[in-house]
Structure formats: C-alpha cells, structure tokens
Amino acid sequence: MGLAVNGKVVASGAPETYPLRLPLSPAARLSFIKSGLKLRWAAQGFQRAARRQIGESASAARARELAYRENETFADYLGVMHPEVEAIFRAIAERITAEPHEITAGCGAGLFAVVWDSNLTLARNLIGGSALLPLTLARHLGSRIVTGAAVEEVVPEPTGARIRVRVAGRVRDVSAKYVIAATPAYVTHRIVRGLPADTADALARIPYGPFVCGAVLTGESGPMPWDDVYAIATPGKAFNMLFNHANVLRGSGPREPGGSLMVYGGGDLGRRLLQMTDGQIQEAFLRDLSTILPEVKDVVREVIVHRWEHAIPYIAPGRHRLQPALERSLGNVLLAGDYLGFPEMEVAAVTGLEAARTARGGLAPVEGAQSRVLERVQP
C-alpha cells in the first residue's frame, strides 16, 4: 500500500521507512513513527489471531478474529496524533467505510495485517477480475441459474423452505430443501422470516458504511509511471484510496495498451460524496487524481461513478458478542457472507462453501448424479 502525502507518492519499500520518506514536519514524523510502532504490534497480534489452529473450525477462527482488541476503538488505541498523521489513518480506515472511532482496534489492525502478511488473502488477486468466478460458476450451472429474480421472502417450513420471488413482474413461490442466504446482513434480516430473535437482532445490528466509487478507463499506448503501483492511500483528497487494478497484468509479457484505475471515498467522505451529482463527483475525482498522477489527465477515456449507500460491513465494538447468534444452526436456512467475520473475500468464500457443504450433505442422492438443486434463484 502506497501513500500520497503533501504532493509526494511513496509506494515501494518497507512500510517502516514511510515516516522518513514522506514530506512531513518533524512533529508529524515523530507522531507517525510512534503510531506506526503501535500499529505494527497490533497487526502482528491480528495475524496470530487470524491463523487457524490444527483441527480448529473456521467459525472458531472467525470468532477469535472478531474478539481481537474489540474493547477499544481504533482511534482510542492509536491515541492523540498529529493532524497530518490522523488524516492518513482516517483515509485508510475509511476503506472499510467507517471512521477510526467507529471500528475496533482489532479491525483497524486487520486492515494493515492483511496487506503486510502475504499469507492472508486480501493480498491475492484473481487475474482478469473477481467477476470471473461467478461467471465461471454460471457457465457450469447453465439453466439452473435464474437471474433478474428479486427474493421477497424466505419462509422456513418443516421439510425445507418456501421462497417468494418476483421475476419479470410476476410473483411465484419456489420450494427448496435448503436456502443459502448469501445476501448482506440487512437484506437477510428483511427477507428471512421466522428467525430466532437473537439472530434477527444480530443481523439488524451489523453496521454498513457507504462507498462512492469512480472507475477510470485510460487509453495510454505504452508504459505509465503508475504501472508498478497497486494501491495508494490518499488523505485529504476527494477519495480515500486509488487502485491500479491492471497492475497484476504488468509483471510479465509485453505491456498492453490501455488500463483501468479506480478511486473511492468511504465513511464520512462517502456520505459527503453521496450529496453530490455524478458530474460533480467526476470533476472532483479527476482533479485530485491528476494531482497524484499528473500524466493521467491526457489519457482518461471514460469515468463511471457508482454509489453504494450500504457498501460493506465493518467491525464495531461489541460486534463479537453477536457471533454465536449468527453461527447457530438455523435448520434449512444457511447464512453466508462477508459480515460473518473480518469483511473480505476470504470469509465470503469460506462461509459460502460451508453452507454449500451443509446443504449438499442434507440433500437426498439423485439417481445418476451426486446431488442437484431443484430450483435456484439469485436475489
């Protein structure tokens, strides 16, 4: 993860050297070193908490992650900082759509741990984009996938569940032996009926923050100065983070023309951006993007703005106490999603796989096949 501070971008080398290489005042430099040492200590603790023990279930590991340093906020743990340093940590915290005082110290430590530790999965990429995974699944499942279907309610029944779904304006009921609710917590709370009171309450209490994203298509014909950069935190700008997702393609073979950059504002910055028009957001994004990467203004071909009022969940103090109600057995309704642990792709994938294995194990064998799903809907 790089940093853009006071007109300079530092995006390589050991993180411990950043306070010495960024253009900071002596007071800010000292504050950054002090906070960085505390953060390094906490991140190492998160890395230990995140590693599964031999024979341990994934749910037990998730509970331990959530409980790590949960009794204080990230802001309280870091303490009083120089305003320039506080802005840096705020920009990075807002990548999880919340402010430093809204997330636990463990959550803040995890944001850095998953970047610094190559064994944790946030540092991994699917070459070609994450969408390749669901597209590949859809290709293999064929007609068993139903898209454009809005699930209005899921009602557990003694032998399975009934799903009320709206397709092309028509409402129909679908019977299923199992339902995997791979929806955000607030959507699951709204559509699944008959949940135990503590589970329904836990789903309603998972906090989500906003994102406003800008996708920038570029049309350069050759190498650019940012080719070696993947991510840059950008305190004080119209966005918190800048990503060069094409970076993963630049390591081998000839440099193909064109590229794609992405910027986003989350947390309080995201809320301010939500009040602006798309045109105003584009103007602000491109203005600040060109101050960080000056060459970009000559190669921008298209900018697309996307708004998420409820983008991703974050870990607030007390969150770990909700975990037993979320991990309990709910019969034939199975929960999956990134809100069930530290919110990243790994927990979304693992909980989805756990739910699929449970459903598959409970389905009666079908002649000529290991198992099949009678009807599938995608909310």
Protein backbone atom coordinates (compact mmCIF):
# COMPACT_ATOMS: atom_id res chain seq x y z
CA MET A 1 0.00 0.00 0.00
CA GLY A 2 1.41 3.36 -1.03
CA LEU A 3 0.77 6.81 0.41
CA ALA A 4 0.28 10.17 -1.30
CA VAL A 5 1.06 12.96 1.15
CA ASN A 6 1.84 16.63 0.53
CA GLY A 7 2.48 16.14 -3.18
CA LYS A 8 4.70 13.06 -2.91
CA VAL A 9 3.83 9.41 -3.60
CA VAL A 10 5.71 6.68 -1.74
CA ALA A 11 4.62 3.26 -2.96
CA SER A 12 7.58 0.92 -2.54
CA GLY A 13 9.98 -0.27 0.11
CA ALA A 14 9.42 -1.27 3.71
CA PRO A 15 6.44 0.40 5.41
CA GLU A 16 8.69 1.24 8.36
CA THR A 17 10.56 3.72 6.16
CA TYR A 18 7.49 5.72 5.12
CA PRO A 19 7.68 8.21 8.02
CA LEU A 20 11.23 9.06 6.96
CA ARG A 21 10.49 9.34 3.24
CA LEU A 22 7.28 11.36 3.25
CA PRO A 23 7.42 15.19 3.35
CA LEU A 24 6.25 15.60 6.94
CA SER A 25 7.09 18.12 9.63
CA PRO A 26 9.35 16.84 12.45
CA ALA A 27 6.35 16.68 14.80
CA ALA A 28 4.27 14.75 12.27
CA ARG A 29 7.17 12.42 11.52
CA LEU A 30 7.59 11.57 15.20
CA SER A 31 3.84 11.07 15.61
CA PHE A 32 3.78 8.77 12.56
CA ILE A 33 6.65 6.65 13.91
CA LYS A 34 5.00 6.33 17.32
CA SER A 35 1.62 5.36 15.86
CA GLY A 36 3.26 3.05 13.31
CA LEU A 37 5.07 1.09 16.02
CA LYS A 38 1.80 0.59 17.91
CA LEU A 39 0.09 -0.44 14.70
CA ARG A 40 2.82 -2.93 13.79
CA TRP A 41 2.44 -4.56 17.20
CA ALA A 42 -1.35 -4.79 16.86
CA ALA A 43 -1.15 -6.09 13.28
CA GLN A 44 1.18 -8.89 14.33
CA GLY A 45 -1.34 -9.82 17.01
CA PHE A 46 -4.13 -9.89 14.42
CA GLN A 47 -2.04 -12.11 12.18
CA ARG A 48 -1.66 -14.59 15.02
CA ALA A 49 -5.38 -14.42 15.81
CA ALA A 50 -6.32 -14.97 12.15
CA ARG A 51 -4.34 -18.19 11.70
CA ARG A 52 -6.41 -21.31 12.17
CA GLN A 53 -5.10 -23.91 14.55
CA ILE A 54 -4.84 -27.59 13.61
CA GLY A 55 -8.27 -29.16 13.89
CA GLU A 56 -9.98 -25.82 14.51
CA SER A 57 -13.18 -24.90 12.72
CA ALA A 58 -13.37 -21.81 10.55
CA SER A 59 -16.17 -20.45 12.75
CA ALA A 60 -13.93 -20.63 15.84
CA ALA A 61 -11.20 -18.76 13.98
CA ARG A 62 -13.71 -16.09 12.89
CA ALA A 63 -14.85 -15.60 16.48
CA ARG A 64 -11.25 -15.15 17.63
CA GLU A 65 -10.56 -12.57 14.91
CA LEU A 66 -13.63 -10.56 15.84
CA ALA A 67 -12.73 -10.61 19.54
CA TYR A 68 -9.18 -9.37 18.97
CA ARG A 69 -8.76 -5.96 20.63
CA GLU A 70 -12.51 -5.42 20.48
CA ASN A 71 -12.78 -3.50 23.75
CA GLU A 72 -11.45 -0.22 22.35
CA THR A 73 -11.77 1.72 19.12
CA PHE A 74 -9.00 2.11 16.57
CA ALA A 75 -8.85 5.83 17.36
CA ASP A 76 -8.50 5.18 21.10
CA TYR A 77 -5.77 2.61 20.52
CA LEU A 78 -3.69 4.94 18.35
CA GLY A 79 -4.21 7.85 20.73
CA VAL A 80 -3.64 11.53 20.02
CA MET A 81 -1.81 12.06 16.72
CA HIS A 82 -0.53 14.95 14.65
CA PRO A 83 -3.33 16.16 12.32
CA GLU A 84 -1.40 15.05 9.20
CA VAL A 85 -0.94 11.57 10.64
CA GLU A 86 -4.54 11.40 11.81
CA ALA A 87 -5.63 12.15 8.23
CA ILE A 88 -3.53 9.25 6.93
CA PHE A 89 -5.10 6.74 9.31
CA ARG A 90 -8.58 8.13 8.69
CA ALA A 91 -8.20 7.65 4.93
CA ILE A 92 -7.10 4.05 5.43
CA ALA A 93 -9.86 3.28 7.96
CA GLU A 94 -12.45 4.69 5.58
CA ARG A 95 -11.54 1.97 3.07
CA ILE A 96 -13.77 -0.18 5.28
CA THR A 97 -16.49 2.53 5.12
CA ALA A 98 -16.09 3.70 8.72
CA GLU A 99 -14.18 6.21 10.83
CA PRO A 100 -11.36 5.26 13.24
CA HIS A 101 -13.64 5.91 16.21
CA GLU A 102 -16.31 3.57 14.79
CA ILE A 103 -14.22 0.41 14.34
CA THR A 104 -12.44 -1.75 16.87
CA ALA A 105 -8.70 -1.58 17.33
CA GLY A 106 -8.60 -5.16 16.05
CA CYS A 107 -10.44 -4.20 12.88
CA GLY A 108 -8.03 -1.34 12.25
CA ALA A 109 -5.06 -3.63 12.86
CA GLY A 110 -6.57 -6.15 10.46
CA LEU A 111 -6.68 -3.58 7.65
CA PHE A 112 -2.90 -3.44 7.77
CA ALA A 113 -2.27 -7.07 8.67
CA VAL A 114 -3.95 -8.38 5.53
CA VAL A 115 -1.70 -6.15 3.42
CA TRP A 116 1.55 -6.82 5.27
CA ASP A 117 1.11 -10.61 5.58
CA SER A 118 1.24 -12.46 2.25
CA ASN A 119 -0.39 -15.50 3.89
CA LEU A 120 -3.64 -13.57 4.40
CA THR A 121 -5.91 -13.44 1.41
CA LEU A 122 -6.64 -9.77 0.83
CA ALA A 123 -3.25 -9.58 -0.89
CA ARG A 124 -4.31 -12.12 -3.54
CA ASN A 125 -5.94 -11.36 -6.86
CA LEU A 126 -7.93 -13.26 -9.45
CA ILE A 127 -6.26 -12.41 -12.74
CA GLY A 128 -8.89 -10.93 -15.01
CA GLY A 129 -11.12 -9.65 -12.20
CA SER A 130 -13.22 -11.14 -9.41
CA ALA A 131 -16.24 -11.39 -11.73
CA LEU A 132 -14.57 -14.35 -13.45
CA LEU A 133 -15.55 -16.57 -10.52
CA PRO A 134 -19.36 -16.10 -10.65
CA LEU A 135 -19.25 -16.05 -14.45
CA THR A 136 -17.48 -19.41 -14.46
CA LEU A 137 -19.92 -20.85 -11.94
CA ALA A 138 -22.84 -19.62 -14.05
CA ARG A 139 -21.35 -21.18 -17.17
CA HIS A 140 -21.12 -24.58 -15.48
CA LEU A 141 -24.58 -24.37 -13.88
CA GLY A 142 -26.27 -23.25 -17.09
CA SER A 143 -30.05 -23.04 -16.99
CA ARG A 144 -30.17 -23.86 -13.29
CA ILE A 145 -29.22 -20.23 -12.59
CA VAL A 146 -32.11 -17.75 -12.61
CA THR A 147 -31.08 -14.10 -12.82
CA GLY A 148 -33.16 -10.94 -12.56
CA ALA A 149 -35.15 -12.54 -9.74
CA ALA A 150 -35.89 -10.49 -6.61
CA VAL A 151 -36.47 -12.58 -3.49
CA GLU A 152 -39.23 -11.02 -1.40
CA GLU A 153 -39.29 -13.50 1.45
CA VAL A 154 -37.89 -16.81 2.64
CA VAL A 155 -40.18 -18.79 4.94
CA PRO A 156 -38.77 -21.86 6.73
CA GLU A 157 -41.04 -24.92 6.69
CA PRO A 158 -40.78 -28.31 8.42
CA THR A 159 -39.18 -30.01 5.42
CA GLY A 160 -37.38 -27.08 3.81
CA ALA A 161 -38.32 -23.55 2.90
CA ARG A 162 -40.59 -21.56 0.64
CA ILE A 163 -39.13 -18.68 -1.37
CA ARG A 164 -41.35 -15.94 -2.75
CA VAL A 165 -39.64 -14.43 -5.77
CA ARG A 166 -40.56 -11.77 -8.31
CA VAL A 167 -39.43 -12.42 -11.88
CA ALA A 168 -40.37 -10.11 -14.76
CA GLY A 169 -43.05 -8.52 -12.60
CA ARG A 170 -44.70 -11.83 -11.68
CA VAL A 171 -44.61 -13.34 -8.19
CA ARG A 172 -44.12 -17.07 -7.77
CA ASP A 173 -43.33 -19.41 -4.90
CA VAL A 174 -40.42 -21.84 -5.06
CA SER A 175 -39.99 -24.80 -2.72
CA ALA A 176 -36.47 -25.76 -1.67
CA LYS A 177 -34.90 -28.22 0.71
CA TYR A 178 -32.24 -25.67 1.68
CA VAL A 179 -31.84 -21.94 1.22
CA ILE A 180 -28.43 -20.28 1.31
CA ALA A 181 -28.97 -16.62 2.16
CA ALA A 182 -25.84 -15.10 0.60
CA THR A 183 -27.15 -11.58 0.97
CA PRO A 184 -25.98 -8.61 3.07
CA ALA A 185 -26.98 -8.82 6.71
CA TYR A 186 -29.66 -6.13 6.43
CA VAL A 187 -31.20 -7.87 3.39
CA THR A 188 -31.17 -11.25 5.15
CA HIS A 189 -32.88 -9.62 8.13
CA ARG A 190 -35.58 -8.22 5.84
CA ILE A 191 -36.41 -11.27 3.73
CA VAL A 192 -35.93 -14.29 6.02
CA ARG A 193 -38.95 -14.95 8.22
CA GLY A 194 -39.10 -16.90 11.46
CA LEU A 195 -35.52 -16.34 12.56
CA PRO A 196 -34.70 -16.74 16.27
CA ALA A 197 -34.95 -13.38 18.00
CA ASP A 198 -31.24 -13.18 18.80
CA THR A 199 -30.26 -13.98 15.20
CA ALA A 200 -32.66 -11.41 13.76
CA ASP A 201 -31.35 -8.84 16.23
CA ALA A 202 -27.73 -9.66 15.34
CA LEU A 203 -28.38 -9.25 11.61
CA ALA A 204 -30.05 -5.89 12.22
CA ARG A 205 -27.09 -4.66 14.26
CA ILE A 206 -24.36 -5.30 11.66
CA PRO A 207 -23.28 -1.78 10.61
CA TYR A 208 -22.61 -0.88 6.98
CA GLY A 209 -21.00 2.26 5.61
CA PRO A 210 -21.16 3.97 2.20
CA PHE A 211 -18.85 3.91 -0.80
CA VAL A 212 -18.80 6.19 -3.81
CA CYS A 213 -16.56 4.72 -6.48
CA GLY A 214 -15.11 6.05 -9.69
CA ALA A 215 -13.91 3.70 -12.43
CA VAL A 216 -11.50 5.42 -14.80
CA LEU A 217 -10.77 3.90 -18.20
CA THR A 218 -7.43 5.04 -19.62
CA GLY A 219 -6.17 4.87 -23.20
CA GLU A 220 -2.39 5.10 -22.94
CA SER A 221 -0.38 3.46 -25.72
CA GLY A 222 2.61 2.43 -23.61
CA PRO A 223 4.09 2.21 -20.10
CA MET A 224 2.96 4.73 -17.48
CA PRO A 225 4.59 5.85 -14.21
CA TRP A 226 1.94 4.03 -12.15
CA ASP A 227 2.38 0.60 -13.74
CA ASP A 228 4.27 -0.70 -10.69
CA VAL A 229 1.75 0.71 -8.20
CA TYR A 230 -1.24 -1.28 -6.96
CA ALA A 231 -2.80 0.84 -4.19
CA ILE A 232 -2.28 4.32 -2.76
CA ALA A 233 -3.97 5.84 0.28
CA THR A 234 -4.79 9.48 -0.44
CA PRO A 235 -5.53 11.54 2.70
CA GLY A 236 -7.02 14.96 2.08
CA LYS A 237 -8.29 14.15 -1.41
CA ALA A 238 -11.78 13.64 -2.84
CA PHE A 239 -11.23 9.89 -2.46
CA ASN A 240 -9.60 7.74 0.22
CA MET A 241 -7.89 5.19 -1.98
CA LEU A 242 -6.55 4.88 -5.52
CA PHE A 243 -6.15 1.45 -7.14
CA ASN A 244 -4.42 0.39 -10.32
CA HIS A 245 -6.08 -2.97 -10.84
CA ALA A 246 -4.21 -3.54 -14.09
CA ASN A 247 -1.02 -3.72 -12.02
CA VAL A 248 -1.33 -7.50 -11.72
CA LEU A 249 -1.04 -7.78 -15.52
CA ARG A 250 2.15 -5.72 -15.81
CA GLY A 251 4.59 -8.23 -14.40
CA SER A 252 5.04 -10.45 -17.42
CA GLY A 253 4.83 -10.20 -21.20
CA PRO A 254 4.59 -7.05 -23.31
CA ARG A 255 2.86 -4.01 -21.87
CA GLU A 256 -0.59 -3.91 -23.46
CA PRO A 257 -2.11 -0.50 -24.26
CA GLY A 258 -4.81 0.98 -22.07
CA GLY A 259 -5.58 0.48 -18.42
CA SER A 260 -8.07 0.97 -15.61
CA LEU A 261 -7.86 2.96 -12.39
CA MET A 262 -10.35 3.02 -9.55
CA VAL A 263 -10.87 5.53 -6.74
CA TYR A 264 -13.37 5.56 -3.91
CA GLY A 265 -14.48 7.54 -0.91
CA GLY A 266 -15.92 5.76 2.11
CA GLY A 267 -17.15 6.58 5.59
CA ASP A 268 -17.84 10.26 6.24
CA LEU A 269 -16.19 11.21 2.95
CA GLY A 270 -18.51 8.79 1.16
CA ARG A 271 -21.52 10.40 2.85
CA ARG A 272 -20.43 13.82 1.63
CA LEU A 273 -19.94 12.48 -1.89
CA LEU A 274 -23.44 10.97 -1.87
CA GLN A 275 -24.82 14.51 -1.65
CA MET A 276 -23.11 15.48 -4.93
CA THR A 277 -24.16 14.87 -8.52
CA ASP A 278 -22.28 12.36 -10.67
CA GLY A 279 -20.80 15.23 -12.67
CA GLN A 280 -19.52 16.95 -9.54
CA ILE A 281 -18.03 13.68 -8.29
CA GLN A 282 -16.31 13.02 -11.61
CA GLU A 283 -14.84 16.52 -11.64
CA ALA A 284 -13.52 16.18 -8.08
CA PHE A 285 -12.12 12.70 -8.68
CA LEU A 286 -10.30 13.68 -11.89
CA ARG A 287 -8.95 16.89 -10.34
CA ASP A 288 -7.33 15.09 -7.42
CA LEU A 289 -6.33 12.06 -9.49
CA SER A 290 -4.31 14.31 -11.79
CA THR A 291 -2.51 15.89 -8.82
CA ILE A 292 -1.29 12.44 -7.76
CA LEU A 293 -0.70 11.01 -11.24
CA PRO A 294 -0.19 14.09 -13.48
CA GLU A 295 0.07 12.06 -16.69
CA VAL A 296 -3.41 10.65 -16.25
CA LYS A 297 -5.24 13.75 -17.47
CA ASP A 298 -4.08 13.14 -21.06
CA VAL A 299 -5.22 9.52 -21.22
CA VAL A 300 -8.63 9.41 -19.50
CA ARG A 301 -11.26 7.98 -21.84
CA GLU A 302 -14.24 7.36 -19.55
CA VAL A 303 -15.30 7.78 -15.92
CA ILE A 304 -18.16 5.84 -14.36
CA VAL A 305 -19.48 6.73 -10.88
CA HIS A 306 -21.21 4.15 -8.74
CA ARG A 307 -22.85 4.75 -5.37
CA TRP A 308 -23.37 2.27 -2.54
CA GLU A 309 -25.21 3.65 0.47
CA HIS A 310 -24.66 0.32 2.28
CA ALA A 311 -21.40 -0.95 0.81
CA ILE A 312 -19.59 -3.27 3.20
CA PRO A 313 -19.88 -4.13 6.89
CA TYR A 314 -17.38 -3.02 9.49
CA ILE A 315 -16.48 -4.30 12.94
CA ALA A 316 -17.73 -2.00 15.69
CA PRO A 317 -17.03 -2.51 19.41
CA GLY A 318 -19.18 -5.30 20.78
CA ARG A 319 -19.52 -6.99 17.38
CA HIS A 320 -18.01 -10.29 18.57
CA ARG A 321 -20.87 -10.78 21.02
CA LEU A 322 -23.27 -11.15 18.08
CA GLN A 323 -21.32 -14.08 16.63
CA PRO A 324 -22.99 -17.00 18.47
CA ALA A 325 -26.41 -15.90 17.20
CA LEU A 326 -25.08 -15.70 13.62
CA GLU A 327 -23.20 -19.01 13.68
CA ARG A 328 -26.00 -21.07 15.28
CA SER A 329 -27.92 -23.66 13.31
CA LEU A 330 -30.99 -22.22 11.60
CA GLY A 331 -32.25 -25.51 10.21
CA ASN A 332 -32.68 -25.41 6.46
CA VAL A 333 -31.75 -21.73 6.14
CA LEU A 334 -28.00 -21.23 5.89
CA LEU A 335 -26.23 -17.88 6.19
CA ALA A 336 -23.20 -16.83 4.14
CA GLY A 337 -21.48 -13.51 3.61
CA ASP A 338 -18.59 -11.23 4.45
CA TYR A 339 -20.41 -9.87 7.51
CA LEU A 340 -19.81 -13.18 9.34
CA GLY A 341 -16.17 -12.31 10.05
CA PHE A 342 -13.50 -9.79 9.13
CA PRO A 343 -15.11 -8.37 5.98
CA GLU A 344 -13.09 -9.53 2.99
CA MET A 345 -13.33 -12.05 0.16
CA GLU A 346 -12.00 -14.95 2.24
CA VAL A 347 -14.83 -15.02 4.76
CA ALA A 348 -17.43 -14.58 1.99
CA ALA A 349 -15.99 -17.56 0.10
CA VAL A 350 -15.49 -19.78 3.15
CA THR A 351 -18.96 -19.24 4.61
CA GLY A 352 -20.48 -19.84 1.18
CA LEU A 353 -18.56 -23.09 0.88
CA GLU A 354 -19.58 -24.14 4.40
CA ALA A 355 -23.23 -23.51 3.60
CA ALA A 356 -22.99 -25.39 0.29
CA ARG A 357 -21.41 -28.41 2.00
CA THR A 358 -24.15 -28.47 4.64
CA ALA A 359 -26.88 -28.29 2.00
CA ARG A 360 -25.23 -30.88 -0.19
CA GLY A 361 -24.85 -33.26 2.75
CA GLY A 362 -28.54 -32.99 3.54
CA LEU A 363 -29.87 -33.47 0.01
CA ALA A 364 -31.13 -36.93 -0.90
CA PRO A 365 -28.99 -38.54 -3.64
CA VAL A 366 -30.47 -38.26 -7.09
CA GLU A 367 -30.12 -41.19 -9.44
CA GLY A 368 -27.29 -40.62 -11.88
CA ALA A 369 -25.88 -37.62 -10.04
CA GLN A 370 -24.29 -36.83 -6.72
CA SER A 371 -26.82 -34.15 -5.99
CA ARG A 372 -28.84 -31.49 -7.72
CA VAL A 373 -30.72 -28.39 -6.83
CA LEU A 374 -34.33 -28.44 -7.99
CA GLU A 375 -34.63 -24.70 -8.45
CA ARG A 376 -32.16 -21.89 -7.87
CA VAL A 377 -32.82 -18.22 -7.56
CA GLN A 378 -30.37 -15.38 -7.28
CA PRO A 379 -31.59 -12.39 -5.24
